Amino acid sequence: MGEQLQHQIEAVAQAVRVLNHDSHSCNRVAANQWLVQFQQSDAAWEVATSILTSHHQSLDFDLHFFAAQVLKRKIQSEGHNLHIEAKEVLLNSVLLAAKIFCLGPPQLLTQICLALSALIIHAVEHKKPVEKLFYSLQNLQNQDNGDVAVLEMLTVLPEEVGNQNDDCNISSTLRCQYGQELLLHTPTVLDFLLHQSEQRIDNGVQLHLRNRKILRCLLSWVRAGCFLEIPPLSIPTHPLLNFVFNSLQVSSSFDLAIEVLVELVSRHEGLPQILLYRVQFLKEVLLLPALSRGEEIVIGGLACLMSEIGQAAPALIVEASSEALVLADALLRCSLASYILGLDVEQGNNKRHIEDLFYPIFGALLDALLLRTQVDESSFIGKNQSFEFPDGLMQFRTDLTELLVDICQLLGSATFLQKIFSGGWMAEDVPIQWKEVETKMFVLNVVAEILLQDGRQFDLSVIMRMVTVLSSKEADELDGFMCLVYRTVADVIGSYSKWISFFQTNTRSLLLFFAFGISKPMSSNSCASALRKFCEDASTLIHEPSDLEILIWIGEVIS
């Protein structure tokens, strides 16, 4: 090292020391101005490189960090002006610096790798600069502790290739080209990460740090699209996916593992189906213990992941598999836990944020559940009113009861009713879609207790329109599926009999409805129960002779 270069290094070291540690602000300002001018000089290349490749013990972290930042900034701003020979020398110097500082400090190694990434991006003279870098990284990996530097380099490289904010000298077209070239090395990178994850480390702290670095690197490559480069059928059994799931169970790596999975779900169409089968594991192993201990980070992370799964593939919920119900249940537990954990009135902004996050999700979930719980009219056979629910639908409706109540409580009565009565199925100028009517009546009956407690009365004329239409049908029209509709409407009338008794001034149509329904085996019990409740709530209204005649006739039919 020449004497002049040594003086320059000492001058830079002194200025950095003053900038970071001097107690007088005027001295810090002067040092900063001097360093800014130094960065713009040609000498900064050699000085910064020498600082990073020197083993001199007197040079401290601040100076090394400053030197790495200088190199990165100069490469980004002036790298396109360097001759190919100068770039080769600089590349070897930065690789040497990465080797020297592979064991830390971590922030310094990151800055060195950022400088190296910037240099590769500016190496337009090479037809395949990324391939050249990977060759250099392979050599670095074979050296002692070189894999640490390679891991950091592989983490920042995809991020820098896709980052157009820091360096405007590289066109988006060229960055896209580099991105495609980068993905060609996906198998090599994934194999490297898998190998790293399988290495045994006895020191627990070191193991957690290493696993976080692996997850950071994997996240970077997932965002770059690495899993698009491998066969979709191999993703479910890929060992790195198991590594990510195992990392969920470790508090130090939970947050990064969640980020990796969320990115995977949002970018790969087939993955939600795969992860859906693991929701039971997430719920039992992670969510339920976190709820009992009030671990908001775990609850929030799982909620984010499961929300992404639900939003990415709503059709999976429509299929009504047991896994889909577990997902819905787990999501509800996450959202309701926010209130359990103390989101009171004083935390209104927090509560509003959670509502904004979950309302669209549960609104979409409710839409999917309403679609899936519809009954196929073809399931009802012949005029003998015999029927069979499609496979699993009866059990699905049973399982759905508690879930619908939870969704109603979460969304609130007003929002829930808005979802139920949306879609135009109530309009008088369009044919009645009885399959949709039956589903909506089923749901209204399930949540009756919640709506009655809240006093959130809906438009009862919709119910009375169904009553009028059904009671006016001929007897031979009320077979098969229409008997199920009849029964479901009768259940709703029984549940809301008190409201209907105040709303309805002409009870004749209702009594006729009950009379016809009681004569049909499928709807007989529901209509009889609804009649009893209605009579209890509306006894003072039944005074017309015609109403009494109908009641007597009904009694004769029952007897």
Protein backbone atom coordinates (compact mmCIF):
# COMPACT_ATOMS: atom_id res chain seq x y z
CA MET A 1 0.00 0.00 0.00
CA GLY A 2 1.48 3.35 -1.08
CA GLU A 3 2.13 6.19 1.34
CA GLN A 4 -0.36 8.49 -0.38
CA LEU A 5 -3.08 5.85 -0.27
CA GLN A 6 -2.36 5.26 3.41
CA HIS A 7 -2.78 9.00 4.14
CA GLN A 8 -6.07 9.03 2.23
CA ILE A 9 -7.38 6.07 4.22
CA GLU A 10 -6.40 7.74 7.49
CA ALA A 11 -8.10 10.99 6.41
CA VAL A 12 -11.30 9.12 5.55
CA ALA A 13 -11.14 7.19 8.84
CA GLN A 14 -10.78 10.44 10.78
CA ALA A 15 -13.72 12.06 8.96
CA VAL A 16 -15.94 9.02 9.57
CA ARG A 17 -14.98 9.01 13.25
CA VAL A 18 -15.89 12.70 13.60
CA LEU A 19 -19.16 12.23 11.71
CA ASN A 20 -20.30 9.39 13.96
CA HIS A 21 -18.87 10.31 17.34
CA ASP A 22 -17.88 14.00 17.66
CA SER A 23 -19.94 15.90 20.20
CA HIS A 24 -19.84 19.21 18.26
CA SER A 25 -22.40 19.50 15.51
CA CYS A 26 -20.28 21.93 13.48
CA ASN A 27 -17.51 19.32 13.31
CA ARG A 28 -19.98 16.65 12.18
CA VAL A 29 -21.34 18.93 9.46
CA ALA A 30 -17.83 19.70 8.21
CA ALA A 31 -16.90 16.01 8.22
CA ASN A 32 -20.04 15.13 6.31
CA GLN A 33 -19.32 17.76 3.64
CA TRP A 34 -15.76 16.50 3.25
CA LEU A 35 -16.94 12.88 2.90
CA VAL A 36 -19.54 13.84 0.30
CA GLN A 37 -16.83 15.48 -1.79
CA PHE A 38 -14.56 12.49 -1.28
CA GLN A 39 -17.24 10.09 -2.59
CA GLN A 40 -17.39 12.06 -5.82
CA SER A 41 -13.63 11.82 -6.45
CA ASP A 42 -11.90 9.19 -8.58
CA ALA A 43 -9.66 8.31 -5.63
CA ALA A 44 -12.71 7.00 -3.74
CA TRP A 45 -12.65 3.82 -5.85
CA GLU A 46 -9.20 2.75 -4.72
CA VAL A 47 -9.53 4.02 -1.14
CA ALA A 48 -12.84 2.24 -0.52
CA THR A 49 -11.58 -0.98 -2.13
CA SER A 50 -8.38 -0.90 -0.07
CA ILE A 51 -10.28 -0.35 3.17
CA LEU A 52 -12.50 -3.37 2.49
CA THR A 53 -9.69 -5.70 1.43
CA SER A 54 -7.24 -4.65 4.15
CA HIS A 55 -6.72 -6.83 7.22
CA HIS A 56 -5.46 -3.86 9.26
CA GLN A 57 -6.83 -4.28 12.78
CA SER A 58 -7.05 -0.55 13.50
CA LEU A 59 -9.83 -0.04 10.93
CA ASP A 60 -13.24 -0.13 12.64
CA PHE A 61 -16.75 -1.12 11.59
CA ASP A 62 -17.91 2.42 10.80
CA LEU A 63 -15.09 2.87 8.31
CA HIS A 64 -15.67 -0.49 6.64
CA PHE A 65 -19.39 0.18 6.41
CA PHE A 66 -18.78 3.61 4.90
CA ALA A 67 -16.38 2.13 2.36
CA ALA A 68 -18.95 -0.50 1.30
CA GLN A 69 -21.61 2.19 0.89
CA VAL A 70 -19.22 4.32 -1.17
CA LEU A 71 -18.52 1.43 -3.52
CA LYS A 72 -22.19 0.62 -3.91
CA ARG A 73 -23.16 4.23 -4.68
CA LYS A 74 -20.30 4.79 -7.09
CA ILE A 75 -21.08 1.58 -8.95
CA GLN A 76 -24.73 2.59 -9.24
CA SER A 77 -23.92 6.11 -10.44
CA GLU A 78 -20.68 5.60 -12.37
CA GLY A 79 -20.40 1.87 -12.94
CA HIS A 80 -21.47 2.11 -16.58
CA ASN A 81 -18.40 4.28 -17.25
CA LEU A 82 -15.85 1.74 -15.97
CA HIS A 83 -13.75 -0.18 -18.49
CA ILE A 84 -14.13 -3.95 -18.55
CA GLU A 85 -10.65 -4.45 -17.06
CA ALA A 86 -11.47 -2.15 -14.14
CA LYS A 87 -14.71 -4.01 -13.54
CA GLU A 88 -12.85 -7.34 -13.45
CA VAL A 89 -10.42 -6.01 -10.84
CA LEU A 90 -13.25 -4.48 -8.84
CA LEU A 91 -15.25 -7.72 -8.99
CA ASN A 92 -12.36 -9.72 -7.56
CA SER A 93 -11.81 -7.11 -4.84
CA VAL A 94 -15.45 -7.11 -3.75
CA LEU A 95 -15.53 -10.93 -3.74
CA LEU A 96 -12.43 -10.86 -1.55
CA ALA A 97 -14.15 -8.39 0.79
CA ALA A 98 -17.15 -10.72 0.98
CA LYS A 99 -14.84 -13.57 1.96
CA ILE A 100 -13.05 -11.47 4.59
CA PHE A 101 -16.30 -10.32 6.24
CA CYS A 102 -18.37 -13.48 5.68
CA LEU A 103 -18.67 -13.93 9.45
CA GLY A 104 -19.83 -10.40 10.01
CA PRO A 105 -20.77 -7.90 11.01
CA PRO A 106 -23.99 -8.87 9.12
CA GLN A 107 -24.82 -5.28 8.08
CA LEU A 108 -21.38 -4.89 6.54
CA LEU A 109 -21.64 -8.15 4.61
CA THR A 110 -25.02 -7.03 3.28
CA GLN A 111 -23.55 -3.75 2.01
CA ILE A 112 -20.69 -5.60 0.33
CA CYS A 113 -23.16 -7.95 -1.37
CA LEU A 114 -25.26 -4.99 -2.49
CA ALA A 115 -22.16 -3.48 -4.08
CA LEU A 116 -21.42 -6.80 -5.76
CA SER A 117 -24.98 -7.06 -7.08
CA ALA A 118 -24.79 -3.53 -8.48
CA LEU A 119 -21.51 -4.39 -10.21
CA ILE A 120 -23.00 -7.48 -11.86
CA ILE A 121 -26.01 -5.53 -13.08
CA HIS A 122 -23.66 -3.03 -14.74
CA ALA A 123 -21.56 -5.75 -16.38
CA VAL A 124 -23.28 -5.34 -19.75
CA GLU A 125 -20.07 -6.30 -21.54
CA HIS A 126 -20.67 -9.90 -20.47
CA LYS A 127 -23.38 -11.68 -22.40
CA LYS A 128 -24.38 -13.54 -19.23
CA PRO A 129 -23.15 -11.58 -16.20
CA VAL A 130 -25.35 -13.54 -13.78
CA GLU A 131 -23.80 -16.79 -14.96
CA LYS A 132 -20.35 -15.31 -14.40
CA LEU A 133 -21.34 -14.34 -10.87
CA PHE A 134 -22.63 -17.83 -10.07
CA TYR A 135 -19.31 -19.27 -11.21
CA SER A 136 -17.54 -16.88 -8.83
CA LEU A 137 -19.93 -17.75 -6.00
CA GLN A 138 -19.24 -21.44 -6.50
CA ASN A 139 -15.55 -20.77 -5.95
CA LEU A 140 -16.37 -18.63 -2.90
CA GLN A 141 -18.58 -21.36 -1.46
CA ASN A 142 -15.71 -23.84 -1.53
CA GLN A 143 -13.65 -21.64 0.82
CA ASP A 144 -13.92 -21.62 4.61
CA ASN A 145 -17.25 -20.09 5.71
CA GLY A 146 -17.77 -18.94 2.15
CA ASP A 147 -21.31 -20.31 2.13
CA VAL A 148 -22.31 -17.52 4.57
CA ALA A 149 -21.31 -14.87 2.04
CA VAL A 150 -22.95 -16.84 -0.80
CA LEU A 151 -26.20 -17.02 1.17
CA GLU A 152 -26.23 -13.25 1.70
CA MET A 153 -25.33 -12.62 -1.93
CA LEU A 154 -28.15 -14.86 -3.15
CA THR A 155 -30.53 -12.96 -0.86
CA VAL A 156 -29.83 -9.47 -2.14
CA LEU A 157 -29.23 -10.29 -5.80
CA PRO A 158 -32.89 -10.90 -6.85
CA GLU A 159 -33.96 -7.84 -4.88
CA GLU A 160 -31.42 -5.63 -6.61
CA VAL A 161 -32.21 -6.99 -10.05
CA GLY A 162 -35.86 -6.07 -9.58
CA ASN A 163 -35.24 -2.75 -7.82
CA GLN A 164 -35.52 0.19 -10.22
CA ASN A 165 -35.52 2.91 -7.58
CA ASP A 166 -31.84 3.11 -6.70
CA ASP A 167 -30.29 2.94 -10.16
CA CYS A 168 -31.83 4.64 -13.15
CA ASN A 169 -28.91 3.76 -15.45
CA ILE A 170 -30.24 0.24 -15.99
CA SER A 171 -33.34 -0.02 -18.18
CA SER A 172 -36.37 -2.08 -17.19
CA THR A 173 -35.82 -4.24 -20.27
CA LEU A 174 -32.30 -5.11 -19.16
CA ARG A 175 -33.48 -5.80 -15.62
CA CYS A 176 -36.16 -8.13 -16.98
CA GLN A 177 -33.50 -9.93 -19.00
CA TYR A 178 -31.31 -10.30 -15.92
CA GLY A 179 -34.33 -11.55 -13.97
CA GLN A 180 -34.95 -14.30 -16.52
CA GLU A 181 -31.27 -15.19 -16.49
CA LEU A 182 -31.40 -15.32 -12.71
CA LEU A 183 -34.29 -17.80 -12.68
CA LEU A 184 -32.31 -20.22 -14.84
CA HIS A 185 -30.25 -20.88 -11.73
CA THR A 186 -33.30 -21.77 -9.60
CA PRO A 187 -32.40 -25.49 -9.21
CA THR A 188 -28.88 -24.58 -8.08
CA VAL A 189 -30.16 -22.04 -5.56
CA LEU A 190 -32.85 -24.32 -4.11
CA ASP A 191 -30.36 -27.16 -3.78
CA PHE A 192 -27.96 -24.80 -2.01
CA LEU A 193 -30.68 -23.64 0.40
CA LEU A 194 -31.77 -27.20 1.06
CA HIS A 195 -28.17 -28.19 1.78
CA GLN A 196 -27.83 -25.26 4.16
CA SER A 197 -31.04 -26.21 5.98
CA GLU A 198 -29.74 -29.73 6.53
CA GLN A 199 -26.46 -28.65 8.09
CA ARG A 200 -26.26 -29.43 11.82
CA ILE A 201 -25.33 -26.61 14.16
CA ASP A 202 -24.97 -27.31 17.87
CA ASN A 203 -25.19 -23.67 18.95
CA GLY A 204 -28.90 -22.81 19.28
CA VAL A 205 -28.47 -19.09 18.64
CA GLN A 206 -26.36 -19.74 15.54
CA LEU A 207 -28.95 -22.24 14.31
CA HIS A 208 -31.79 -19.71 14.60
CA LEU A 209 -29.74 -17.03 12.84
CA ARG A 210 -28.82 -19.45 10.06
CA ASN A 211 -32.45 -20.50 9.55
CA ARG A 212 -33.59 -16.89 9.37
CA LYS A 213 -30.97 -16.23 6.68
CA ILE A 214 -32.18 -19.23 4.70
CA LEU A 215 -35.78 -18.03 4.94
CA ARG A 216 -34.79 -14.49 3.90
CA CYS A 217 -33.00 -15.89 0.87
CA LEU A 218 -35.90 -18.18 -0.04
CA LEU A 219 -38.33 -15.26 0.30
CA SER A 220 -36.23 -13.21 -2.08
CA TRP A 221 -36.26 -15.97 -4.69
CA VAL A 222 -39.97 -16.71 -4.24
CA ARG A 223 -40.68 -13.06 -4.98
CA ALA A 224 -38.52 -13.38 -8.07
CA GLY A 225 -40.67 -16.33 -9.19
CA CYS A 226 -38.35 -19.27 -8.55
CA PHE A 227 -41.11 -21.81 -7.91
CA LEU A 228 -42.55 -21.06 -11.33
CA GLU A 229 -39.44 -22.72 -12.70
CA ILE A 230 -40.09 -26.11 -11.13
CA PRO A 231 -42.87 -28.64 -11.96
CA PRO A 232 -46.06 -27.76 -10.03
CA LEU A 233 -46.59 -31.37 -8.95
CA SER A 234 -43.25 -31.37 -7.14
CA ILE A 235 -44.06 -28.33 -4.99
CA PRO A 236 -46.20 -30.14 -2.35
CA THR A 237 -43.39 -32.55 -1.54
CA HIS A 238 -40.51 -30.12 -1.92
CA PRO A 239 -38.24 -30.43 1.14
CA LEU A 240 -37.92 -26.65 1.45
CA LEU A 241 -41.67 -26.39 1.96
CA ASN A 242 -41.33 -28.73 4.92
CA PHE A 243 -38.47 -26.59 6.20
CA VAL A 244 -40.72 -23.53 6.04
CA PHE A 245 -43.50 -25.30 7.96
CA ASN A 246 -41.06 -26.48 10.58
CA SER A 247 -39.83 -22.90 10.91
CA LEU A 248 -43.37 -21.82 11.82
CA GLN A 249 -42.98 -23.70 15.07
CA VAL A 250 -39.91 -21.69 16.09
CA SER A 251 -40.62 -18.20 17.43
CA SER A 252 -37.41 -16.73 16.02
CA SER A 253 -38.28 -17.73 12.45
CA PHE A 254 -42.10 -17.61 12.54
CA ASP A 255 -42.46 -14.18 10.92
CA LEU A 256 -40.25 -14.99 7.92
CA ALA A 257 -41.86 -18.39 7.42
CA ILE A 258 -45.28 -16.70 7.27
CA GLU A 259 -43.97 -14.21 4.70
CA VAL A 260 -42.63 -17.02 2.52
CA LEU A 261 -45.93 -18.91 2.61
CA VAL A 262 -48.01 -15.79 1.92
CA GLU A 263 -45.85 -14.98 -1.11
CA LEU A 264 -46.14 -18.56 -2.34
CA VAL A 265 -49.94 -18.54 -2.02
CA SER A 266 -50.30 -15.23 -3.83
CA ARG A 267 -48.08 -16.30 -6.74
CA HIS A 268 -48.93 -19.96 -7.33
CA GLU A 269 -52.46 -21.04 -8.20
CA GLY A 270 -52.06 -24.65 -7.10
CA LEU A 271 -50.57 -23.91 -3.70
CA PRO A 272 -53.73 -22.85 -1.80
CA GLN A 273 -55.13 -26.33 -2.36
CA ILE A 274 -51.92 -27.81 -0.98
CA LEU A 275 -51.83 -25.54 2.05
CA LEU A 276 -55.52 -26.10 2.73
CA TYR A 277 -54.69 -29.63 3.84
CA ARG A 278 -52.23 -28.23 6.36
CA VAL A 279 -54.67 -25.79 7.98
CA GLN A 280 -55.65 -28.42 10.56
CA PHE A 281 -52.00 -28.58 11.58
CA LEU A 282 -51.79 -24.77 11.75
CA LYS A 283 -54.91 -24.61 13.86
CA GLU A 284 -54.07 -27.33 16.38
CA VAL A 285 -50.31 -26.92 16.70
CA LEU A 286 -49.98 -23.15 16.41
CA LEU A 287 -53.27 -21.24 16.55
CA LEU A 288 -55.02 -22.81 19.55
CA PRO A 289 -51.95 -22.58 21.83
CA ALA A 290 -51.38 -18.99 20.67
CA LEU A 291 -54.99 -18.10 21.47
CA SER A 292 -54.69 -19.56 24.95
CA ARG A 293 -51.48 -17.60 25.58
CA GLY A 294 -52.60 -14.39 23.87
CA GLU A 295 -49.69 -14.36 21.38
CA GLU A 296 -50.80 -11.61 19.03
CA ILE A 297 -47.87 -11.98 16.61
CA VAL A 298 -48.63 -15.65 15.97
CA ILE A 299 -52.38 -15.04 15.73
CA GLY A 300 -51.88 -12.12 13.34
CA GLY A 301 -49.42 -14.04 11.19
CA LEU A 302 -51.67 -17.08 10.88
CA ALA A 303 -54.66 -14.85 10.15
CA CYS A 304 -52.72 -13.20 7.33
CA LEU A 305 -51.70 -16.55 5.85
CA MET A 306 -55.13 -18.16 6.09
CA SER A 307 -56.80 -15.02 4.72
CA GLU A 308 -54.48 -15.24 1.72
CA ILE A 309 -55.40 -18.90 1.22
CA GLY A 310 -59.11 -18.09 1.38
CA GLN A 311 -58.86 -15.12 -0.98
CA ALA A 312 -56.63 -16.95 -3.45
CA ALA A 313 -59.02 -19.87 -3.86
CA PRO A 314 -62.63 -19.18 -2.81
CA ALA A 315 -63.71 -22.14 -4.93
CA LEU A 316 -62.09 -24.42 -2.36
CA ILE A 317 -64.53 -23.16 0.25
CA VAL A 318 -67.45 -23.69 -2.13
CA GLU A 319 -66.46 -27.36 -2.30
CA ALA A 320 -67.26 -27.53 1.43
CA SER A 321 -64.51 -29.98 2.27
CA SER A 322 -63.67 -30.57 5.92
CA GLU A 323 -60.42 -28.65 5.35
CA ALA A 324 -62.37 -25.62 4.09
CA LEU A 325 -64.49 -25.61 7.24
CA VAL A 326 -61.37 -25.86 9.39
CA LEU A 327 -59.96 -22.86 7.51
CA ALA A 328 -63.13 -20.84 8.07
CA ASP A 329 -63.23 -21.78 11.74
CA ALA A 330 -59.57 -20.90 12.23
CA LEU A 331 -60.03 -17.53 10.54
CA LEU A 332 -62.96 -16.71 12.76
CA ARG A 333 -60.96 -17.62 15.83
CA CYS A 334 -58.16 -15.31 14.67
CA SER A 335 -60.44 -12.37 14.05
CA LEU A 336 -62.49 -12.73 17.19
CA ALA A 337 -59.27 -13.13 19.18
CA SER A 338 -58.49 -9.50 18.40
CA TYR A 339 -61.40 -8.48 20.58
CA ILE A 340 -60.58 -11.06 23.25
CA LEU A 341 -57.06 -9.63 23.45
CA GLY A 342 -58.34 -6.20 24.38
CA LEU A 343 -59.38 -4.13 21.38
CA ASP A 344 -61.65 -1.85 23.36
CA VAL A 345 -63.13 1.55 22.57
CA GLU A 346 -59.87 3.35 23.32
CA GLN A 347 -58.19 1.37 20.55
CA GLY A 348 -60.67 2.38 17.89
CA ASN A 349 -58.10 2.78 15.13
CA ASN A 350 -56.77 -0.73 15.75
CA LYS A 351 -60.25 -2.15 15.79
CA ARG A 352 -61.15 -0.34 12.58
CA HIS A 353 -58.01 -1.68 10.93
CA ILE A 354 -58.97 -5.24 11.85
CA GLU A 355 -62.51 -4.72 10.61
CA ASP A 356 -61.20 -3.38 7.29
CA LEU A 357 -58.95 -6.42 7.01
CA PHE A 358 -61.47 -9.13 7.85
CA TYR A 359 -64.84 -7.82 6.62
CA PRO A 360 -64.11 -8.40 2.91
CA ILE A 361 -62.77 -11.85 3.70
CA PHE A 362 -65.80 -12.95 5.68
CA GLY A 363 -68.12 -11.29 3.21
CA ALA A 364 -66.55 -13.42 0.46
CA LEU A 365 -66.68 -16.45 2.75
CA LEU A 366 -70.40 -15.92 3.37
CA ASP A 367 -71.05 -15.65 -0.38
CA ALA A 368 -69.18 -18.89 -0.98
CA LEU A 369 -71.02 -20.68 1.84
CA LEU A 370 -74.40 -19.51 0.56
CA LEU A 371 -73.58 -20.92 -2.86
CA ARG A 372 -72.31 -24.21 -1.49
CA THR A 373 -75.25 -24.81 0.84
CA GLN A 374 -77.82 -24.63 -1.98
CA VAL A 375 -79.85 -27.77 -2.56
CA ASP A 376 -79.93 -29.36 -6.00
CA GLU A 377 -83.58 -29.55 -7.06
CA SER A 378 -82.88 -32.78 -8.93
CA SER A 379 -82.17 -34.48 -5.57
CA PHE A 380 -85.93 -34.59 -4.93
CA ILE A 381 -87.57 -37.48 -6.67
CA GLY A 382 -91.17 -37.95 -7.79
CA LYS A 383 -94.46 -36.82 -6.36
CA ASN A 384 -94.17 -38.85 -3.18
CA GLN A 385 -91.98 -36.11 -1.76
CA SER A 386 -89.13 -38.53 -1.08
CA PHE A 387 -85.76 -36.85 -1.30
CA GLU A 388 -82.11 -37.21 -0.55
CA PHE A 389 -79.73 -34.40 0.21
CA PRO A 390 -76.59 -34.52 -1.93
CA ASP A 391 -73.64 -36.31 -0.35
CA GLY A 392 -72.58 -34.54 2.81
CA LEU A 393 -74.90 -31.54 2.39
CA MET A 394 -77.04 -32.31 5.43
CA GLN A 395 -73.95 -32.68 7.61
CA PHE A 396 -72.46 -29.58 5.96
CA ARG A 397 -75.52 -27.55 6.93
CA THR A 398 -75.32 -28.87 10.46
CA ASP A 399 -71.65 -27.96 10.72
CA LEU A 400 -72.38 -24.58 9.17
CA THR A 401 -74.82 -23.48 11.88
CA GLU A 402 -72.25 -22.31 14.42
CA LEU A 403 -70.06 -20.81 11.72
CA LEU A 404 -72.90 -18.68 10.31
CA VAL A 405 -73.71 -17.41 13.79
CA ASP A 406 -70.06 -16.41 14.28
CA ILE A 407 -69.96 -14.64 10.92
CA CYS A 408 -73.15 -12.77 11.74
CA GLN A 409 -71.70 -11.64 15.07
CA LEU A 410 -68.46 -10.59 13.43
CA LEU A 411 -69.96 -8.68 10.52
CA GLY A 412 -72.82 -7.27 12.58
CA SER A 413 -76.54 -7.74 11.91
CA ALA A 414 -76.83 -4.86 9.43
CA THR A 415 -73.95 -5.99 7.20
CA PHE A 416 -75.02 -9.63 7.44
CA LEU A 417 -78.59 -8.84 6.38
CA GLN A 418 -77.30 -6.68 3.54
CA LYS A 419 -75.36 -9.69 2.23
CA ILE A 420 -78.41 -11.97 2.59
CA PHE A 421 -80.81 -9.65 0.79
CA SER A 422 -78.42 -8.62 -1.98
CA GLY A 423 -78.44 -10.10 -5.46
CA GLY A 424 -81.93 -9.17 -6.66
CA TRP A 425 -83.60 -12.44 -5.59
CA MET A 426 -86.39 -10.45 -3.86
CA ALA A 427 -87.38 -8.38 -6.90
CA GLU A 428 -91.01 -8.74 -7.86
CA ASP A 429 -90.38 -8.21 -11.59
CA VAL A 430 -88.16 -11.29 -12.01
CA PRO A 431 -88.99 -15.01 -11.68
CA ILE A 432 -88.44 -16.38 -8.20
CA GLN A 433 -85.26 -18.44 -7.87
CA TRP A 434 -86.56 -20.96 -5.36
CA LYS A 435 -83.19 -22.60 -4.82
CA GLU A 436 -81.74 -19.26 -3.70
CA VAL A 437 -84.85 -18.49 -1.63
CA GLU A 438 -84.54 -21.78 0.24
CA THR A 439 -80.86 -21.11 1.01
CA LYS A 440 -81.45 -17.56 2.25
CA MET A 441 -84.39 -18.70 4.41
CA PHE A 442 -82.22 -21.44 5.90
CA VAL A 443 -79.56 -18.87 6.84
CA LEU A 444 -82.11 -16.43 8.27
CA ASN A 445 -83.45 -19.19 10.47
CA VAL A 446 -79.96 -20.11 11.70
CA VAL A 447 -79.12 -16.56 12.82
CA ALA A 448 -82.59 -15.71 14.12
CA GLU A 449 -81.52 -15.54 17.76
CA ILE A 450 -78.76 -13.01 16.98
CA LEU A 451 -81.02 -10.79 14.88
CA LEU A 452 -83.83 -10.87 17.44
CA GLN A 453 -81.43 -9.93 20.24
CA ASP A 454 -80.05 -7.04 18.21
CA GLY A 455 -83.55 -5.92 17.24
CA ARG A 456 -82.36 -5.56 13.64
CA GLN A 457 -85.69 -6.06 11.84
CA PHE A 458 -85.44 -6.73 8.11
CA ASP A 459 -88.05 -6.25 5.38
CA LEU A 460 -90.69 -8.78 6.39
CA SER A 461 -92.62 -8.16 3.18
CA VAL A 462 -90.15 -10.47 1.50
CA ILE A 463 -91.27 -13.33 3.76
CA MET A 464 -94.92 -12.50 3.23
CA ARG A 465 -94.44 -12.47 -0.53
CA MET A 466 -93.08 -16.02 -0.32
CA VAL A 467 -96.05 -16.97 1.89
CA THR A 468 -98.55 -15.57 -0.58
CA VAL A 469 -96.96 -17.22 -3.61
CA LEU A 470 -96.57 -20.61 -1.94
CA SER A 471 -100.07 -20.68 -0.44
CA SER A 472 -101.59 -19.83 -3.83
CA LYS A 473 -99.98 -22.77 -5.61
CA GLU A 474 -101.99 -25.84 -6.56
CA ALA A 475 -101.55 -28.89 -4.38
CA ASP A 476 -99.75 -30.85 -7.10
CA GLU A 477 -97.18 -28.05 -7.41
CA LEU A 478 -96.05 -28.48 -3.84
CA ASP A 479 -94.11 -31.68 -4.30
CA GLY A 480 -90.44 -32.54 -4.08
CA PHE A 481 -88.16 -29.56 -3.77
CA MET A 482 -91.02 -27.06 -3.28
CA CYS A 483 -91.99 -28.94 -0.11
CA LEU A 484 -88.50 -28.26 1.22
CA VAL A 485 -88.92 -24.57 0.35
CA TYR A 486 -92.26 -24.60 2.12
CA ARG A 487 -90.72 -26.16 5.22
CA THR A 488 -87.81 -23.70 5.31
CA VAL A 489 -90.11 -20.68 4.97
CA ALA A 490 -92.27 -22.08 7.76
CA ASP A 491 -89.17 -22.39 9.98
CA VAL A 492 -88.40 -18.70 9.37
CA ILE A 493 -91.97 -17.68 10.21
CA GLY A 494 -91.75 -19.63 13.45
CA SER A 495 -88.43 -18.02 14.38
CA TYR A 496 -89.62 -14.47 13.66
CA SER A 497 -93.29 -14.96 14.64
CA LYS A 498 -93.29 -12.04 17.07
CA TRP A 499 -92.09 -9.57 14.44
CA ILE A 500 -94.41 -11.02 11.80
CA SER A 501 -97.41 -10.81 14.14
CA PHE A 502 -96.88 -7.05 14.48
CA PHE A 503 -96.19 -6.61 10.79
CA GLN A 504 -99.06 -8.70 9.42
CA THR A 505 -102.56 -7.23 9.65
CA ASN A 506 -104.21 -9.82 7.40
CA THR A 507 -103.52 -13.20 8.97
CA ARG A 508 -105.58 -15.10 6.42
CA SER A 509 -102.69 -15.66 4.01
CA LEU A 510 -100.49 -16.96 6.80
CA LEU A 511 -103.17 -19.33 8.10
CA LEU A 512 -103.76 -20.66 4.59
CA PHE A 513 -100.02 -21.16 4.29
CA PHE A 514 -99.97 -23.18 7.50
CA ALA A 515 -103.01 -25.17 6.45
CA PHE A 516 -101.52 -26.30 3.16
CA GLY A 517 -98.12 -26.98 4.74
CA ILE A 518 -99.53 -29.12 7.53
CA SER A 519 -101.13 -31.38 4.97
CA LYS A 520 -97.72 -32.20 3.47
CA PRO A 521 -95.57 -34.73 5.36
CA MET A 522 -92.28 -32.93 4.69
CA SER A 523 -93.46 -29.52 5.94
CA SER A 524 -96.07 -30.64 8.45
CA ASN A 525 -93.99 -30.37 11.63
CA SER A 526 -92.45 -27.01 10.69
CA CYS A 527 -95.82 -25.50 9.80
CA ALA A 528 -97.46 -26.84 12.95
CA SER A 529 -94.67 -25.41 15.12
CA ALA A 530 -94.79 -22.06 13.32
CA LEU A 531 -98.59 -21.93 13.67
CA ARG A 532 -98.35 -22.53 17.42
CA LYS A 533 -95.76 -19.76 17.86
CA PHE A 534 -97.73 -17.37 15.66
CA CYS A 535 -100.93 -17.98 17.57
CA GLU A 536 -99.15 -17.33 20.86
CA ASP A 537 -97.72 -14.04 19.58
CA ALA A 538 -100.73 -12.89 17.57
CA SER A 539 -103.72 -14.16 19.55
CA THR A 540 -105.29 -10.72 19.71
CA LEU A 541 -105.15 -10.31 15.95
CA ILE A 542 -107.02 -13.50 15.08
CA HIS A 543 -110.60 -12.27 15.39
CA GLU A 544 -112.06 -12.45 11.89
CA PRO A 545 -114.59 -15.30 11.44
CA SER A 546 -112.73 -16.50 8.36
CA ASP A 547 -109.51 -16.74 10.38
CA LEU A 548 -111.24 -18.81 13.04
CA GLU A 549 -112.75 -21.08 10.38
CA ILE A 550 -109.29 -21.74 8.99
CA LEU A 551 -107.97 -22.52 12.46
CA ILE A 552 -110.83 -24.97 13.04
CA TRP A 553 -110.14 -26.57 9.67
CA ILE A 554 -106.46 -26.88 10.51
CA GLY A 555 -107.36 -28.53 13.78
CA GLU A 556 -109.52 -31.05 11.92
CA VAL A 557 -106.67 -31.77 9.51
CA ILE A 558 -104.24 -32.34 12.37
CA SER A 559 -106.65 -34.60 14.23
